[in-house]
PDB file of N, CA and C in Angstrom:
ATOM      1  N   MET A   1      91.946 -44.806 154.252  1.00  0.00           N
ATOM      2  CA  MET A   1      91.790 -43.629 153.578  1.00  0.00           C
ATOM      3  C   MET A   1      90.296 -43.928 153.541  1.00  0.00           C
ATOM      4  N   ASN A   2      89.519 -42.697 154.185  1.00  0.00           N
ATOM      5  CA  ASN A   2      88.158 -42.672 154.022  1.00  0.00           C
ATOM      6  C   ASN A   2      87.725 -41.263 153.086  1.00  0.00           C
ATOM      7  N   TRP A   3      87.500 -41.490 151.670  1.00  0.00           N
ATOM      8  CA  TRP A   3      87.672 -40.485 150.618  1.00  0.00           C
ATOM      9  C   TRP A   3      86.180 -39.337 151.386  1.00  0.00           C
ATOM     10  N   LYS A   4      85.452 -39.896 151.869  1.00  0.00           N
ATOM     11  CA  LYS A   4      84.333 -38.811 152.333  1.00  0.00           C
ATOM     12  C   LYS A   4      85.011 -37.860 153.498  1.00  0.00           C
ATOM     13  N   ASP A   5      85.707 -38.015 154.036  1.00  0.00           N
ATOM     14  CA  ASP A   5      86.375 -36.905 155.085  1.00  0.00           C
ATOM     15  C   ASP A   5      87.033 -35.613 154.225  1.00  0.00           C
ATOM     16  N   TYR A   6      87.174 -35.596 152.914  1.00  0.00           N
ATOM     17  CA  TYR A   6      87.908 -34.729 151.968  1.00  0.00           C
ATOM     18  C   TYR A   6      86.940 -34.743 151.262  1.00  0.00           C
ATOM     19  N   ILE A   7      85.795 -35.398 150.364  1.00  0.00           N
ATOM     20  CA  ILE A   7      85.025 -35.204 149.000  1.00  0.00           C
ATOM     21  C   ILE A   7      83.598 -34.626 149.555  1.00  0.00           C
ATOM     22  N   SER A   8      82.730 -34.021 148.929  1.00  0.00           N
ATOM     23  CA  SER A   8      81.789 -33.665 149.113  1.00  0.00           C
ATOM     24  C   SER A   8      81.014 -33.080 147.784  1.00  0.00           C
ATOM     25  N   ALA A   9      79.642 -33.194 148.111  1.00  0.00           N
ATOM     26  CA  ALA A   9      79.115 -32.827 147.084  1.00  0.00           C
ATOM     27  C   ALA A   9      77.904 -31.964 147.948  1.00  0.00           C
ATOM     28  N   ASP A  10      77.631 -30.317 147.371  1.00  0.00           N
ATOM     29  CA  ASP A  10      76.743 -29.680 147.796  1.00  0.00           C
ATOM     30  C   ASP A  10      75.778 -28.640 146.505  1.00  0.00           C
ATOM     31  N   SER A  11      74.597 -28.932 146.624  1.00  0.00           N
ATOM     32  CA  SER A  11      73.885 -28.675 145.334  1.00  0.00           C
ATOM     33  C   SER A  11      74.219 -27.076 145.499  1.00  0.00           C
ATOM     34  N   ASP A  12      74.682 -26.401 146.276  1.00  0.00           N
ATOM     35  CA  ASP A  12      75.071 -25.027 145.959  1.00  0.00           C
ATOM     36  C   ASP A  12      76.536 -24.390 145.658  1.00  0.00           C
ATOM     37  N   VAL A  13      77.202 -25.797 145.605  1.00  0.00           N
ATOM     38  CA  VAL A  13      78.580 -25.645 144.818  1.00  0.00           C
ATOM     39  C   VAL A  13      78.778 -26.178 143.592  1.00  0.00           C
ATOM     40  N   LEU A  14      79.203 -25.548 142.751  1.00  0.00           N
ATOM     41  CA  LEU A  14      79.312 -26.095 141.389  1.00  0.00           C
ATOM     42  C   LEU A  14      78.194 -27.265 141.013  1.00  0.00           C
ATOM     43  N   GLY A  15      77.149 -27.127 141.018  1.00  0.00           N
ATOM     44  CA  GLY A  15      75.817 -27.515 140.772  1.00  0.00           C
ATOM     45  C   GLY A  15      75.663 -28.783 141.238  1.00  0.00           C
ATOM     46  N   GLY A  16      76.478 -29.151 142.299  1.00  0.00           N
ATOM     47  CA  GLY A  16      76.557 -30.234 143.341  1.00  0.00           C
ATOM     48  C   GLY A  16      77.502 -31.303 142.721  1.00  0.00           C
ATOM     49  N   LYS A  17      78.648 -30.993 142.111  1.00  0.00           N
ATOM     50  CA  LYS A  17      79.546 -31.894 141.640  1.00  0.00           C
ATOM     51  C   LYS A  17      80.267 -32.180 142.933  1.00  0.00           C
ATOM     52  N   PRO A  18      81.009 -33.326 143.056  1.00  0.00           N
ATOM     53  CA  PRO A  18      81.833 -33.642 144.352  1.00  0.00           C
ATOM     54  C   PRO A  18      82.628 -32.783 144.005  1.00  0.00           C
ATOM     55  N   THR A  19      83.332 -32.110 145.021  1.00  0.00           N
ATOM     56  CA  THR A  19      84.457 -31.267 145.048  1.00  0.00           C
ATOM     57  C   THR A  19      85.393 -31.490 146.628  1.00  0.00           C
ATOM     58  N   VAL A  20      86.462 -30.846 146.639  1.00  0.00           N
ATOM     59  CA  VAL A  20      87.626 -31.121 147.769  1.00  0.00           C
ATOM     60  C   VAL A  20      86.838 -30.394 148.743  1.00  0.00           C
ATOM     61  N   LYS A  21      86.660 -31.077 149.692  1.00  0.00           N
ATOM     62  CA  LYS A  21      85.719 -30.040 151.006  1.00  0.00           C
ATOM     63  C   LYS A  21      86.955 -28.966 151.203  1.00  0.00           C
ATOM     64  N   GLY A  22      86.003 -27.719 151.479  1.00  0.00           N
ATOM     65  CA  GLY A  22      86.225 -26.189 151.381  1.00  0.00           C
ATOM     66  C   GLY A  22      86.722 -25.511 150.222  1.00  0.00           C
ATOM     67  N   THR A  23      86.470 -26.196 149.248  1.00  0.00           N
ATOM     68  CA  THR A  23      87.131 -25.717 148.218  1.00  0.00           C
ATOM     69  C   THR A  23      86.176 -25.570 147.207  1.00  0.00           C
ATOM     70  N   ARG A  24      86.364 -24.755 146.048  1.00  0.00           N
ATOM     71  CA  ARG A  24      85.571 -25.045 144.479  1.00  0.00           C
ATOM     72  C   ARG A  24      86.273 -25.930 143.881  1.00  0.00           C
ATOM     73  N   ILE A  25      87.141 -26.578 144.070  1.00  0.00           N
ATOM     74  CA  ILE A  25      87.796 -27.739 143.026  1.00  0.00           C
ATOM     75  C   ILE A  25      87.063 -29.130 142.936  1.00  0.00           C
ATOM     76  N   SER A  26      86.689 -29.180 141.869  1.00  0.00           N
ATOM     77  CA  SER A  26      86.210 -30.545 141.835  1.00  0.00           C
ATOM     78  C   SER A  26      86.705 -31.757 141.520  1.00  0.00           C
ATOM     79  N   VAL A  27      86.158 -33.114 141.865  1.00  0.00           N
ATOM     80  CA  VAL A  27      86.882 -34.095 141.417  1.00  0.00           C
ATOM     81  C   VAL A  27      87.088 -34.022 139.936  1.00  0.00           C
ATOM     82  N   GLU A  28      86.196 -33.634 138.990  1.00  0.00           N
ATOM     83  CA  GLU A  28      86.142 -33.807 137.489  1.00  0.00           C
ATOM     84  C   GLU A  28      87.375 -32.777 136.956  1.00  0.00           C
ATOM     85  N   PHE A  29      87.615 -31.522 137.667  1.00  0.00           N
ATOM     86  CA  PHE A  29      88.591 -30.714 137.369  1.00  0.00           C
ATOM     87  C   PHE A  29      90.000 -31.657 137.646  1.00  0.00           C
ATOM     88  N   ILE A  30      89.921 -31.677 138.834  1.00  0.00           N
ATOM     89  CA  ILE A  30      91.422 -32.654 138.746  1.00  0.00           C
ATOM     90  C   ILE A  30      91.885 -33.841 138.124  1.00  0.00           C
ATOM     91  N   ILE A  31      90.360 -34.722 137.999  1.00  0.00           N
ATOM     92  CA  ILE A  31      91.137 -35.826 136.826  1.00  0.00           C
ATOM     93  C   ILE A  31      91.074 -35.113 135.764  1.00  0.00           C
ATOM     94  N   GLN A  32      90.700 -34.130 135.089  1.00  0.00           N
ATOM     95  CA  GLN A  32      90.649 -33.492 133.789  1.00  0.00           C
ATOM     96  C   GLN A  32      92.003 -32.991 133.349  1.00  0.00           C
ATOM     97  N   ARG A  33      92.781 -32.422 134.830  1.00  0.00           N
ATOM     98  CA  ARG A  33      94.042 -31.699 134.761  1.00  0.00           C
ATOM     99  C   ARG A  33      95.352 -33.338 134.521  1.00  0.00           C
ATOM    100  N   LEU A  34      94.728 -34.118 135.226  1.00  0.00           N
ATOM    101  CA  LEU A  34      95.801 -35.233 135.173  1.00  0.00           C
ATOM    102  C   LEU A  34      95.864 -36.048 133.775  1.00  0.00           C
ATOM    103  N   ALA A  35      94.543 -36.045 133.250  1.00  0.00           N
ATOM    104  CA  ALA A  35      94.377 -36.555 131.792  1.00  0.00           C
ATOM    105  C   ALA A  35      95.014 -35.665 130.614  1.00  0.00           C
ATOM    106  N   GLU A  36      95.153 -34.493 131.315  1.00  0.00           N
ATOM    107  CA  GLU A  36      96.261 -33.479 129.998  1.00  0.00           C
ATOM    108  C   GLU A  36      97.276 -33.783 130.253  1.00  0.00           C
ATOM    109  N   GLY A  37      97.992 -34.446 131.339  1.00  0.00           N
ATOM    110  CA  GLY A  37      99.261 -34.433 131.419  1.00  0.00           C
ATOM    111  C   GLY A  37      99.733 -33.588 132.526  1.00  0.00           C
ATOM    112  N   TRP A  38      98.851 -33.208 133.587  1.00  0.00           N
ATOM    113  CA  TRP A  38      99.692 -32.387 134.733  1.00  0.00           C
ATOM    114  C   TRP A  38      99.974 -33.209 135.572  1.00  0.00           C
ATOM    115  N   THR A  39     101.137 -33.215 136.325  1.00  0.00           N
ATOM    116  CA  THR A  39     101.295 -34.348 137.490  1.00  0.00           C
ATOM    117  C   THR A  39     100.794 -33.909 138.651  1.00  0.00           C
ATOM    118  N   GLU A  40     100.990 -34.317 139.675  1.00  0.00           N
ATOM    119  CA  GLU A  40     100.424 -34.329 141.042  1.00  0.00           C
ATOM    120  C   GLU A  40     101.218 -33.028 141.584  1.00  0.00           C
ATOM    121  N   THR A  41     102.480 -32.825 141.158  1.00  0.00           N
ATOM    122  CA  THR A  41     103.454 -31.935 141.547  1.00  0.00           C
ATOM    123  C   THR A  41     102.783 -30.646 141.167  1.00  0.00           C
ATOM    124  N   GLN A  42     102.530 -30.583 139.745  1.00  0.00           N
ATOM    125  CA  GLN A  42     101.701 -29.320 138.831  1.00  0.00           C
ATOM    126  C   GLN A  42     100.494 -28.779 139.921  1.00  0.00           C
ATOM    127  N   LEU A  43      99.586 -30.063 140.233  1.00  0.00           N
ATOM    128  CA  LEU A  43      98.315 -29.540 141.118  1.00  0.00           C
ATOM    129  C   LEU A  43      98.370 -28.826 142.003  1.00  0.00           C
ATOM    130  N   LEU A  44      99.515 -29.558 142.778  1.00  0.00           N
ATOM    131  CA  LEU A  44      99.885 -28.817 144.153  1.00  0.00           C
ATOM    132  C   LEU A  44     100.235 -27.767 144.092  1.00  0.00           C
ATOM    133  N   GLU A  45     101.386 -27.344 142.886  1.00  0.00           N
ATOM    134  CA  GLU A  45     102.327 -25.935 143.012  1.00  0.00           C
ATOM    135  C   GLU A  45     101.015 -25.007 142.726  1.00  0.00           C
ATOM    136  N   ASN A  46     100.109 -25.218 141.640  1.00  0.00           N
ATOM    137  CA  ASN A  46      99.045 -24.490 141.305  1.00  0.00           C
ATOM    138  C   ASN A  46      97.873 -24.442 141.816  1.00  0.00           C
ATOM    139  N   TYR A  47      97.542 -25.165 142.920  1.00  0.00           N
ATOM    140  CA  TYR A  47      96.005 -25.003 143.569  1.00  0.00           C
ATOM    141  C   TYR A  47      96.539 -25.289 145.078  1.00  0.00           C
ATOM    142  N   PRO A  48      97.513 -24.295 145.798  1.00  0.00           N
ATOM    143  CA  PRO A  48      97.758 -24.323 147.072  1.00  0.00           C
ATOM    144  C   PRO A  48      97.305 -25.083 148.207  1.00  0.00           C
ATOM    145  N   ARG A  49      95.964 -24.737 147.839  1.00  0.00           N
ATOM    146  CA  ARG A  49      94.402 -25.142 149.068  1.00  0.00           C
ATOM    147  C   ARG A  49      94.705 -26.974 149.017  1.00  0.00           C
ATOM    148  N   LEU A  50      95.237 -27.498 147.873  1.00  0.00           N
ATOM    149  CA  LEU A  50      95.022 -28.983 147.562  1.00  0.00           C
ATOM    150  C   LEU A  50      96.385 -29.815 148.321  1.00  0.00           C
ATOM    151  N   THR A  51      96.081 -30.673 149.155  1.00  0.00           N
ATOM    152  CA  THR A  51      97.398 -31.631 149.617  1.00  0.00           C
ATOM    153  C   THR A  51      97.449 -33.234 148.844  1.00  0.00           C
ATOM    154  N   PRO A  52      98.630 -33.561 149.219  1.00  0.00           N
ATOM    155  CA  PRO A  52      98.583 -34.925 148.555  1.00  0.00           C
ATOM    156  C   PRO A  52      97.421 -35.674 149.229  1.00  0.00           C
ATOM    157  N   THR A  53      97.202 -35.824 150.813  1.00  0.00           N
ATOM    158  CA  THR A  53      95.822 -36.465 150.834  1.00  0.00           C
ATOM    159  C   THR A  53      94.869 -36.251 150.311  1.00  0.00           C
ATOM    160  N   HIS A  54      94.808 -34.809 149.884  1.00  0.00           N
ATOM    161  CA  HIS A  54      93.176 -34.544 148.951  1.00  0.00           C
ATOM    162  C   HIS A  54      93.239 -35.389 147.453  1.00  0.00           C
ATOM    163  N   LEU A  55      94.279 -35.269 146.872  1.00  0.00           N
ATOM    164  CA  LEU A  55      94.680 -36.285 145.657  1.00  0.00           C
ATOM    165  C   LEU A  55      94.486 -37.608 146.220  1.00  0.00           C
ATOM    166  N   GLN A  56      94.762 -38.401 147.092  1.00  0.00           N
ATOM    167  CA  GLN A  56      94.666 -39.574 147.127  1.00  0.00           C
ATOM    168  C   GLN A  56      92.976 -39.637 147.560  1.00  0.00           C
ATOM    169  N   ALA A  57      92.350 -38.815 148.406  1.00  0.00           N
ATOM    170  CA  ALA A  57      91.002 -38.950 148.313  1.00  0.00           C
ATOM    171  C   ALA A  57      90.608 -38.978 146.976  1.00  0.00           C
ATOM    172  N   VAL A  58      90.891 -38.135 146.126  1.00  0.00           N
ATOM    173  CA  VAL A  58      90.063 -37.996 144.571  1.00  0.00           C
ATOM    174  C   VAL A  58      90.323 -39.582 144.128  1.00  0.00           C
ATOM    175  N   PHE A  59      91.580 -39.981 144.053  1.00  0.00           N
ATOM    176  CA  PHE A  59      91.939 -41.378 143.738  1.00  0.00           C
ATOM    177  C   PHE A  59      90.719 -42.694 144.052  1.00  0.00           C
ATOM    178  N   ALA A  60      90.661 -42.409 145.321  1.00  0.00           N
ATOM    179  CA  ALA A  60      90.214 -43.115 146.367  1.00  0.00           C
ATOM    180  C   ALA A  60      88.379 -43.416 146.190  1.00  0.00           C
ATOM    181  N   TYR A  61      87.853 -41.966 146.053  1.00  0.00           N
ATOM    182  CA  TYR A  61      86.870 -41.741 145.419  1.00  0.00           C
ATOM    183  C   TYR A  61      86.420 -42.608 143.916  1.00  0.00           C
ATOM    184  N   VAL A  62      87.477 -41.960 142.879  1.00  0.00           N
ATOM    185  CA  VAL A  62      86.991 -42.588 141.740  1.00  0.00           C
ATOM    186  C   VAL A  62      87.451 -44.134 141.590  1.00  0.00           C
ATOM    187  N   GLN A  63      88.000 -44.308 142.318  1.00  0.00           N
ATOM    188  CA  GLN A  63      88.186 -46.093 142.315  1.00  0.00           C
ATOM    189  C   GLN A  63      86.933 -46.782 143.095  1.00  0.00           C
ATOM    190  N   GLU A  64      86.725 -45.971 143.830  1.00  0.00           N
ATOM    191  CA  GLU A  64      85.052 -46.439 144.458  1.00  0.00           C
ATOM    192  C   GLU A  64      84.091 -46.356 143.315  1.00  0.00           C
ATOM    193  N   CYS A  65      83.909 -45.321 142.681  1.00  0.00           N
ATOM    194  CA  CYS A  65      82.922 -45.096 141.572  1.00  0.00           C
ATOM    195  C   CYS A  65      83.198 -46.299 140.479  1.00  0.00           C
ATOM    196  N   ILE A  66      83.962 -46.347 140.119  1.00  0.00           N
ATOM    197  CA  ILE A  66      84.765 -47.534 139.136  1.00  0.00           C
ATOM    198  C   ILE A  66      84.065 -48.886 139.859  1.00  0.00           C
ATOM    199  N   GLU A  67      84.402 -49.078 140.908  1.00  0.00           N
ATOM    200  CA  GLU A  67      84.028 -50.147 141.247  1.00  0.00           C
ATOM    201  C   GLU A  67      82.733 -50.568 141.879  1.00  0.00           C
ATOM    202  N   ASP A  68      81.903 -49.876 141.964  1.00  0.00           N
ATOM    203  CA  ASP A  68      80.459 -49.828 142.238  1.00  0.00           C
ATOM    204  C   ASP A  68      79.820 -50.000 140.993  1.00  0.00           C
ATOM    205  N   GLY A  69      79.973 -49.175 140.035  1.00  0.00           N
ATOM    206  CA  GLY A  69      79.655 -49.549 139.036  1.00  0.00           C
ATOM    207  C   GLY A  69      79.098 -48.003 138.538  1.00  0.00           C
ATOM    208  N   SER A  70      79.141 -46.984 139.101  1.00  0.00           N
ATOM    209  CA  SER A  70      78.810 -45.488 139.217  1.00  0.00           C
ATOM    210  C   SER A  70      79.224 -44.928 137.853  1.00  0.00           C
ATOM    211  N   LEU A  71      80.512 -44.992 137.542  1.00  0.00           N
ATOM    212  CA  LEU A  71      80.973 -44.758 136.538  1.00  0.00           C
ATOM    213  C   LEU A  71      80.800 -46.007 135.115  1.00  0.00           C
ATOM    214  N   ILE A  72      80.419 -45.206 133.971  1.00  0.00           N
ATOM    215  CA  ILE A  72      79.987 -45.948 133.089  1.00  0.00           C
ATOM    216  C   ILE A  72      81.063 -46.651 131.962  1.00  0.00           C
ATOM    217  N   SER A  73      81.197 -47.566 131.821  1.00  0.00           N
ATOM    218  CA  SER A  73      82.126 -48.191 130.920  1.00  0.00           C
ATOM    219  C   SER A  73      82.040 -47.901 129.547  1.00  0.00           C
ATOM    220  N   PRO A  74      83.288 -47.433 129.162  1.00  0.00           N
ATOM    221  CA  PRO A  74      83.015 -46.961 127.377  1.00  0.00           C
ATOM    222  C   PRO A  74      82.553 -48.005 126.777  1.00  0.00           C
ATOM    223  N   SER A  75      81.574 -47.912 125.620  1.00  0.00           N
ATOM    224  CA  SER A  75      80.999 -48.823 124.689  1.00  0.00           C
ATOM    225  C   SER A  75      82.077 -49.295 123.935  1.00  0.00           C
ATOM    226  N   PRO A  76      81.925 -50.557 123.428  1.00  0.00           N
ATOM    227  CA  PRO A  76      82.989 -51.427 122.673  1.00  0.00           C
ATOM    228  C   PRO A  76      83.239 -50.753 121.538  1.00  0.00           C
ATOM    229  N   LYS A  77      83.780 -50.692 120.621  1.00  0.00           N
ATOM    230  CA  LYS A  77      83.846 -50.168 119.448  1.00  0.00           C
ATOM    231  C   LYS A  77      83.752 -51.397 118.539  1.00  0.00           C
ATOM    232  N   THR A  78      82.904 -51.044 117.152  1.00  0.00           N
ATOM    233  CA  THR A  78      82.031 -51.847 116.501  1.00  0.00           C
ATOM    234  C   THR A  78      82.701 -51.468 114.734  1.00  0.00           C
ATOM    235  N   ALA A  79      83.022 -52.629 114.607  1.00  0.00           N
ATOM    236  CA  ALA A  79      83.824 -52.622 112.920  1.00  0.00           C
ATOM    237  C   ALA A  79      83.045 -52.313 112.207  1.00  0.00           C
TER     238      ALA A  79
END
């Protein structure tokens, strides 16, 4: 899976946030919905332009961001 085939960032779309190509649905939006408890099925039903492949690309993108350090780790709690 090459997420670059499905995820893009354009400064003219949502301020340059990574989005699913051909949509205004951001990676951030998808991750927020999943964090709120939405299922993949709910996302696909509510946003018919999304496909299972798009969701897989989002997961691959986030995984690569974590792996290469693009995402900042939460600060450890201090007592």
